């Protein structure tokens, strides 16, 4: 059976894109995708902070939720309350919710905004690494 994971958030521009990038690195045998309630376009700052950690997400595209993919996903991860509240997660999927701060809403200087993006990226990476451990050691 082909294992798949779907990362969902509001605009599929930052958080779910970063999660997709890390999951593709750490779960290379899985079909990894991300989507949003709407497609706001890939955020260039998300691309920049991921590149700092040697993950290239520059070719990923912002997409809206594909019901067929979601209905057949092994794991569905929501990264914001909006996606958690608006998506009907299939009972066949293992559902997880990671409440990650939306870096696209950060304000302040360029350096302060970058710090918020980095914090969100690092939270996502920690969650991905925990998920990989869970998948590889299902007790």
N, C-alpha and C. Protein backbone atom coordinates (compact mmCIF):
# COMPACT_ATOMS: atom_id res chain seq x y z
N UNK A 1 0.84 -1.19 0.00
CA UNK A 1 0.00 0.00 0.00
C UNK A 1 0.88 1.25 0.00
N UNK A 2 0.57 2.19 -0.86
CA UNK A 2 1.33 3.42 -0.96
C UNK A 2 0.96 4.34 0.20
N UNK A 3 1.94 4.71 1.01
CA UNK A 3 1.68 5.59 2.15
C UNK A 3 1.75 7.03 1.69
N UNK A 4 0.79 7.83 2.17
CA UNK A 4 0.74 9.23 1.76
C UNK A 4 0.44 10.12 2.96
N UNK A 5 0.94 11.34 2.88
CA UNK A 5 0.71 12.32 3.93
C UNK A 5 0.31 13.64 3.28
N UNK A 6 -0.67 14.29 3.89
CA UNK A 6 -1.23 15.53 3.36
C UNK A 6 -1.15 16.61 4.43
N UNK A 7 -0.47 17.71 4.13
CA UNK A 7 -0.34 18.84 5.04
C UNK A 7 -1.29 19.94 4.59
N UNK A 8 -2.14 20.38 5.50
CA UNK A 8 -3.18 21.36 5.16
C UNK A 8 -3.08 22.61 6.02
N UNK A 9 -3.25 23.77 5.38
CA UNK A 9 -3.38 25.03 6.11
C UNK A 9 -4.27 25.96 5.29
N UNK A 10 -4.33 27.19 5.68
CA UNK A 10 -5.28 28.12 5.06
C UNK A 10 -4.95 28.42 3.60
N UNK A 11 -3.74 28.95 3.35
CA UNK A 11 -3.42 29.43 2.01
C UNK A 11 -2.38 28.63 1.25
N UNK A 12 -1.84 27.57 1.87
CA UNK A 12 -0.81 26.74 1.23
C UNK A 12 0.33 27.60 0.69
N UNK A 13 0.75 28.57 1.51
CA UNK A 13 1.84 29.44 1.08
C UNK A 13 3.09 29.30 1.94
N UNK A 14 2.93 28.95 3.23
CA UNK A 14 4.08 28.90 4.14
C UNK A 14 4.18 27.58 4.90
N UNK A 15 3.32 27.43 5.92
CA UNK A 15 3.46 26.31 6.85
C UNK A 15 3.36 24.95 6.18
N UNK A 16 2.32 24.74 5.42
CA UNK A 16 2.15 23.42 4.78
C UNK A 16 3.23 23.19 3.73
N UNK A 17 3.69 24.25 3.10
CA UNK A 17 4.77 24.13 2.11
C UNK A 17 6.08 23.70 2.80
N UNK A 18 6.36 24.31 3.96
CA UNK A 18 7.57 23.93 4.69
C UNK A 18 7.46 22.48 5.17
N UNK A 19 6.29 22.11 5.66
CA UNK A 19 6.09 20.73 6.12
C UNK A 19 6.28 19.75 4.96
N UNK A 20 5.75 20.09 3.80
CA UNK A 20 5.92 19.24 2.62
C UNK A 20 7.41 19.08 2.30
N UNK A 21 8.16 20.17 2.35
CA UNK A 21 9.59 20.11 2.05
C UNK A 21 10.35 19.20 3.00
N UNK A 22 10.08 19.34 4.29
CA UNK A 22 10.76 18.47 5.27
C UNK A 22 10.31 17.02 5.13
N UNK A 23 9.03 16.79 4.94
CA UNK A 23 8.53 15.41 4.83
C UNK A 23 9.13 14.71 3.62
N UNK A 24 9.28 15.44 2.52
CA UNK A 24 9.89 14.83 1.33
C UNK A 24 11.33 14.40 1.62
N UNK A 25 12.02 15.16 2.46
CA UNK A 25 13.40 14.79 2.82
C UNK A 25 13.42 13.60 3.78
N UNK A 26 12.60 13.66 4.81
CA UNK A 26 12.68 12.67 5.89
C UNK A 26 11.79 11.45 5.70
N UNK A 27 10.83 11.52 4.78
CA UNK A 27 9.96 10.37 4.45
C UNK A 27 10.01 10.14 2.94
N UNK A 28 11.18 9.81 2.41
CA UNK A 28 11.35 9.76 0.95
C UNK A 28 10.51 8.71 0.24
N UNK A 29 10.03 7.70 0.95
CA UNK A 29 9.23 6.66 0.30
C UNK A 29 7.74 6.97 0.34
N UNK A 30 7.38 8.07 0.98
CA UNK A 30 5.96 8.46 1.09
C UNK A 30 5.58 9.41 -0.03
N UNK A 31 4.30 9.39 -0.41
CA UNK A 31 3.74 10.38 -1.32
C UNK A 31 3.35 11.58 -0.46
N UNK A 32 4.09 12.67 -0.58
CA UNK A 32 3.90 13.85 0.28
C UNK A 32 3.33 14.99 -0.54
N UNK A 33 2.23 15.57 -0.05
CA UNK A 33 1.64 16.74 -0.70
C UNK A 33 1.15 17.71 0.35
N UNK A 34 0.93 18.94 -0.09
CA UNK A 34 0.33 19.96 0.77
C UNK A 34 -0.72 20.71 -0.02
N UNK A 35 -1.63 21.35 0.71
CA UNK A 35 -2.68 22.12 0.06
C UNK A 35 -3.28 23.09 1.08
N UNK A 36 -4.15 23.94 0.57
CA UNK A 36 -4.82 24.90 1.44
C UNK A 36 -6.30 25.00 1.13
N UNK A 37 -7.01 25.65 2.02
CA UNK A 37 -8.42 25.95 1.78
C UNK A 37 -8.52 26.82 0.53
N UNK A 38 -7.48 27.66 0.36
CA UNK A 38 -7.33 28.42 -0.88
C UNK A 38 -5.85 28.40 -1.24
N UNK A 39 -5.52 28.78 -2.46
CA UNK A 39 -4.12 28.79 -2.91
C UNK A 39 -3.65 30.23 -3.01
N UNK A 40 -2.82 30.65 -2.03
CA UNK A 40 -2.35 32.04 -1.99
C UNK A 40 -1.01 32.25 -2.68
N UNK A 41 -0.42 31.18 -3.23
CA UNK A 41 0.89 31.31 -3.86
C UNK A 41 1.99 31.00 -2.86
N UNK A 42 3.11 30.53 -3.35
CA UNK A 42 4.25 30.16 -2.51
C UNK A 42 4.92 31.42 -1.98
N UNK A 43 5.08 31.51 -0.66
CA UNK A 43 5.66 32.69 -0.03
C UNK A 43 7.19 32.67 -0.20
N UNK A 44 7.76 33.73 -0.78
CA UNK A 44 9.21 33.75 -1.02
C UNK A 44 10.04 33.69 0.26
N UNK A 45 9.51 34.21 1.37
CA UNK A 45 10.27 34.14 2.62
C UNK A 45 10.31 32.71 3.15
N UNK A 46 9.24 31.95 2.92
CA UNK A 46 9.26 30.53 3.30
C UNK A 46 10.33 29.80 2.49
N UNK A 47 10.43 30.11 1.21
CA UNK A 47 11.46 29.50 0.36
C UNK A 47 12.85 29.85 0.91
N UNK A 48 13.03 31.10 1.30
CA UNK A 48 14.33 31.58 1.80
C UNK A 48 14.73 30.87 3.09
N UNK A 49 13.82 30.78 4.07
CA UNK A 49 14.22 30.16 5.34
C UNK A 49 14.40 28.66 5.21
N UNK A 50 13.70 28.02 4.29
CA UNK A 50 13.91 26.60 4.06
C UNK A 50 15.28 26.38 3.39
N UNK A 51 15.66 27.26 2.49
CA UNK A 51 16.97 27.16 1.84
C UNK A 51 18.09 27.28 2.87
N UNK A 52 17.86 28.06 3.94
CA UNK A 52 18.85 28.16 5.01
C UNK A 52 19.12 26.80 5.66
N UNK A 53 18.14 25.90 5.60
CA UNK A 53 18.28 24.55 6.16
C UNK A 53 18.47 23.51 5.03
N UNK A 54 18.91 23.98 3.87
CA UNK A 54 19.21 23.11 2.72
C UNK A 54 18.02 22.32 2.21
N UNK A 55 16.83 22.90 2.29
CA UNK A 55 15.62 22.29 1.72
C UNK A 55 15.11 23.25 0.65
N UNK A 56 15.04 22.77 -0.59
CA UNK A 56 14.59 23.60 -1.70
C UNK A 56 13.11 23.35 -1.96
N UNK A 57 12.29 24.35 -1.65
CA UNK A 57 10.85 24.23 -1.93
C UNK A 57 10.44 25.18 -3.06
N UNK A 58 11.42 25.74 -3.75
CA UNK A 58 11.14 26.79 -4.74
C UNK A 58 10.28 26.30 -5.91
N UNK A 59 10.26 24.99 -6.17
CA UNK A 59 9.48 24.47 -7.29
C UNK A 59 8.10 23.96 -6.87
N UNK A 60 7.81 24.00 -5.56
CA UNK A 60 6.50 23.57 -5.10
C UNK A 60 5.45 24.60 -5.50
N UNK A 61 4.24 24.14 -5.69
CA UNK A 61 3.14 25.01 -6.12
C UNK A 61 2.08 25.09 -5.02
N UNK A 62 1.46 26.23 -4.91
CA UNK A 62 0.36 26.42 -3.97
C UNK A 62 -0.91 25.82 -4.60
N UNK A 63 -1.58 24.95 -3.84
CA UNK A 63 -2.75 24.23 -4.39
C UNK A 63 -3.91 24.26 -3.39
N UNK A 64 -5.11 24.09 -3.93
CA UNK A 64 -6.27 23.89 -3.06
C UNK A 64 -6.43 22.40 -2.79
N UNK A 65 -7.16 22.10 -1.74
CA UNK A 65 -7.32 20.72 -1.28
C UNK A 65 -7.94 19.84 -2.36
N UNK A 66 -7.31 18.70 -2.57
CA UNK A 66 -7.78 17.68 -3.51
C UNK A 66 -8.48 16.61 -2.66
N UNK A 67 -9.80 16.55 -2.76
CA UNK A 67 -10.57 15.62 -1.94
C UNK A 67 -10.17 14.17 -2.17
N UNK A 68 -9.86 13.81 -3.41
CA UNK A 68 -9.46 12.43 -3.70
C UNK A 68 -8.17 12.08 -2.97
N UNK A 69 -7.18 12.98 -3.02
CA UNK A 69 -5.92 12.69 -2.33
C UNK A 69 -6.16 12.62 -0.82
N UNK A 70 -6.93 13.57 -0.29
CA UNK A 70 -7.18 13.59 1.15
C UNK A 70 -7.93 12.33 1.59
N UNK A 71 -8.92 11.91 0.81
CA UNK A 71 -9.71 10.74 1.20
C UNK A 71 -8.92 9.45 1.18
N UNK A 72 -7.78 9.44 0.49
CA UNK A 72 -6.94 8.25 0.44
C UNK A 72 -5.63 8.39 1.21
N UNK A 73 -5.46 9.51 1.91
CA UNK A 73 -4.21 9.75 2.64
C UNK A 73 -4.10 8.85 3.86
N UNK A 74 -2.88 8.43 4.13
CA UNK A 74 -2.59 7.64 5.33
C UNK A 74 -2.60 8.55 6.56
N UNK A 75 -1.98 9.73 6.41
CA UNK A 75 -1.89 10.71 7.49
C UNK A 75 -2.30 12.07 6.93
N UNK A 76 -3.12 12.80 7.69
CA UNK A 76 -3.48 14.17 7.35
C UNK A 76 -3.06 15.04 8.53
N UNK A 77 -2.30 16.10 8.24
CA UNK A 77 -1.84 17.01 9.28
C UNK A 77 -2.38 18.40 8.98
N UNK A 78 -3.13 18.96 9.93
CA UNK A 78 -3.57 20.35 9.81
C UNK A 78 -2.59 21.21 10.61
N UNK A 79 -2.22 22.36 10.03
CA UNK A 79 -1.22 23.22 10.66
C UNK A 79 -1.81 24.54 11.14
N UNK A 80 -3.14 24.64 11.09
CA UNK A 80 -3.80 25.84 11.59
C UNK A 80 -5.23 25.50 11.95
N UNK A 81 -5.82 26.33 12.79
CA UNK A 81 -7.19 26.11 13.21
C UNK A 81 -8.18 26.21 12.07
N UNK A 82 -7.89 27.06 11.10
CA UNK A 82 -8.78 27.23 9.96
C UNK A 82 -8.95 25.92 9.21
N UNK A 83 -7.83 25.27 8.89
CA UNK A 83 -7.89 23.98 8.17
C UNK A 83 -8.53 22.92 9.07
N UNK A 84 -8.16 22.93 10.36
CA UNK A 84 -8.73 21.94 11.29
C UNK A 84 -10.25 22.06 11.34
N UNK A 85 -10.75 23.29 11.37
CA UNK A 85 -12.18 23.52 11.53
C UNK A 85 -12.98 23.36 10.24
N UNK A 86 -12.36 23.57 9.10
CA UNK A 86 -13.10 23.57 7.83
C UNK A 86 -12.97 22.29 7.02
N UNK A 87 -11.98 21.46 7.34
CA UNK A 87 -11.77 20.24 6.55
C UNK A 87 -12.45 19.05 7.20
N UNK A 88 -13.05 18.23 6.39
CA UNK A 88 -13.63 16.99 6.88
C UNK A 88 -12.56 15.91 6.64
N UNK A 89 -11.89 15.56 7.73
CA UNK A 89 -10.79 14.60 7.64
C UNK A 89 -11.39 13.20 7.54
N UNK A 90 -10.97 12.41 6.57
CA UNK A 90 -11.52 11.06 6.43
C UNK A 90 -11.18 10.20 7.64
N UNK A 91 -12.12 9.39 8.07
CA UNK A 91 -11.91 8.53 9.24
C UNK A 91 -10.82 7.49 9.00
N UNK A 92 -10.52 7.20 7.75
CA UNK A 92 -9.49 6.21 7.43
C UNK A 92 -8.08 6.75 7.63
N UNK A 93 -7.93 8.07 7.73
CA UNK A 93 -6.60 8.68 7.88
C UNK A 93 -6.26 8.88 9.35
N UNK A 94 -4.98 8.83 9.65
CA UNK A 94 -4.53 9.25 10.97
C UNK A 94 -4.43 10.76 10.90
N UNK A 95 -5.15 11.44 11.78
CA UNK A 95 -5.18 12.91 11.76
C UNK A 95 -4.36 13.46 12.90
N UNK A 96 -3.56 14.47 12.57
CA UNK A 96 -2.77 15.18 13.58
C UNK A 96 -2.98 16.67 13.37
N UNK A 97 -2.93 17.42 14.48
CA UNK A 97 -3.04 18.87 14.39
C UNK A 97 -1.80 19.50 15.03
N UNK A 98 -1.11 20.29 14.25
CA UNK A 98 0.06 21.02 14.74
C UNK A 98 -0.27 22.51 14.66
N UNK A 99 -0.58 23.17 15.77
CA UNK A 99 -0.93 24.60 15.74
C UNK A 99 0.32 25.48 15.59
N UNK A 100 0.72 25.68 14.36
CA UNK A 100 1.94 26.45 14.05
C UNK A 100 1.57 27.91 13.80
N UNK A 101 2.34 28.83 14.39
CA UNK A 101 2.14 30.26 14.16
C UNK A 101 2.24 30.56 12.67
N UNK A 102 1.32 31.39 12.15
CA UNK A 102 1.34 31.75 10.73
C UNK A 102 2.38 32.84 10.51
N UNK A 103 3.54 32.50 9.92
CA UNK A 103 4.57 33.51 9.74
C UNK A 103 4.18 34.59 8.73
N UNK A 104 3.24 34.29 7.85
CA UNK A 104 2.82 35.29 6.86
C UNK A 104 2.14 36.49 7.53
N UNK A 105 1.71 36.32 8.77
CA UNK A 105 1.07 37.43 9.49
C UNK A 105 2.05 38.23 10.33
N UNK A 106 3.33 37.86 10.29
CA UNK A 106 4.34 38.54 11.09
C UNK A 106 4.49 39.99 10.66
N UNK A 107 4.72 40.84 11.64
CA UNK A 107 4.96 42.26 11.36
C UNK A 107 6.27 42.67 12.02
N UNK A 108 6.75 43.84 11.65
CA UNK A 108 8.00 44.35 12.21
C UNK A 108 9.03 44.53 11.11
N UNK A 109 10.27 44.61 11.55
CA UNK A 109 11.38 44.79 10.60
C UNK A 109 11.57 43.50 9.80
N UNK A 110 12.34 43.60 8.73
CA UNK A 110 12.63 42.40 7.94
C UNK A 110 13.26 41.31 8.81
N UNK A 111 14.17 41.71 9.70
CA UNK A 111 14.83 40.74 10.57
C UNK A 111 13.83 40.09 11.53
N UNK A 112 12.89 40.87 12.06
CA UNK A 112 11.88 40.32 12.98
C UNK A 112 10.96 39.35 12.25
N UNK A 113 10.56 39.70 11.03
CA UNK A 113 9.70 38.82 10.24
C UNK A 113 10.45 37.52 9.93
N UNK A 114 11.71 37.63 9.55
CA UNK A 114 12.52 36.44 9.27
C UNK A 114 12.59 35.53 10.50
N UNK A 115 12.72 36.13 11.69
CA UNK A 115 12.78 35.33 12.92
C UNK A 115 11.49 34.55 13.13
N UNK A 116 10.34 35.15 12.83
CA UNK A 116 9.06 34.45 12.98
C UNK A 116 9.00 33.28 11.99
N UNK A 117 9.43 33.52 10.75
CA UNK A 117 9.48 32.44 9.75
C UNK A 117 10.39 31.31 10.22
N UNK A 118 11.55 31.68 10.76
CA UNK A 118 12.49 30.65 11.24
C UNK A 118 11.90 29.86 12.41
N UNK A 119 11.22 30.56 13.32
CA UNK A 119 10.60 29.86 14.46
C UNK A 119 9.54 28.87 13.97
N UNK A 120 8.71 29.29 13.03
CA UNK A 120 7.69 28.39 12.48
C UNK A 120 8.34 27.21 11.77
N UNK A 121 9.38 27.49 10.97
CA UNK A 121 10.13 26.43 10.27
C UNK A 121 10.68 25.43 11.28
N UNK A 122 11.29 25.92 12.34
CA UNK A 122 11.90 25.03 13.33
C UNK A 122 10.85 24.20 14.06
N UNK A 123 9.69 24.81 14.36
CA UNK A 123 8.59 24.05 14.98
C UNK A 123 8.12 22.93 14.05
N UNK A 124 7.99 23.26 12.78
CA UNK A 124 7.55 22.26 11.79
C UNK A 124 8.58 21.13 11.69
N UNK A 125 9.86 21.48 11.63
CA UNK A 125 10.90 20.46 11.53
C UNK A 125 10.86 19.52 12.74
N UNK A 126 10.70 20.09 13.94
CA UNK A 126 10.61 19.25 15.15
C UNK A 126 9.43 18.29 15.05
N UNK A 127 8.30 18.80 14.61
CA UNK A 127 7.11 17.95 14.46
C UNK A 127 7.33 16.86 13.41
N UNK A 128 7.98 17.21 12.31
CA UNK A 128 8.26 16.21 11.26
C UNK A 128 9.18 15.12 11.81
N UNK A 129 10.23 15.51 12.52
CA UNK A 129 11.16 14.52 13.07
C UNK A 129 10.47 13.62 14.09
N UNK A 130 9.56 14.19 14.89
CA UNK A 130 8.77 13.38 15.83
C UNK A 130 7.87 12.41 15.06
N UNK A 131 7.27 12.89 13.98
CA UNK A 131 6.40 12.04 13.16
C UNK A 131 7.19 10.89 12.54
N UNK A 132 8.39 11.19 12.06
CA UNK A 132 9.24 10.15 11.46
C UNK A 132 9.53 9.07 12.51
N UNK A 133 9.85 9.48 13.75
CA UNK A 133 10.10 8.50 14.82
C UNK A 133 8.86 7.65 15.06
N UNK A 134 7.70 8.29 15.10
CA UNK A 134 6.45 7.58 15.33
C UNK A 134 6.18 6.55 14.22
N UNK A 135 6.41 6.97 12.98
CA UNK A 135 6.19 6.09 11.82
C UNK A 135 7.17 4.92 11.83
N UNK A 136 8.42 5.21 12.17
CA UNK A 136 9.45 4.17 12.12
C UNK A 136 9.44 3.24 13.35
N UNK A 137 8.81 3.69 14.44
CA UNK A 137 8.73 2.88 15.66
C UNK A 137 7.31 2.85 16.20
N UNK A 138 6.35 2.32 15.43
CA UNK A 138 4.94 2.35 15.86
C UNK A 138 4.70 1.33 16.98
N UNK A 139 4.74 1.78 18.21
CA UNK A 139 4.55 0.86 19.35
C UNK A 139 3.13 0.87 19.81
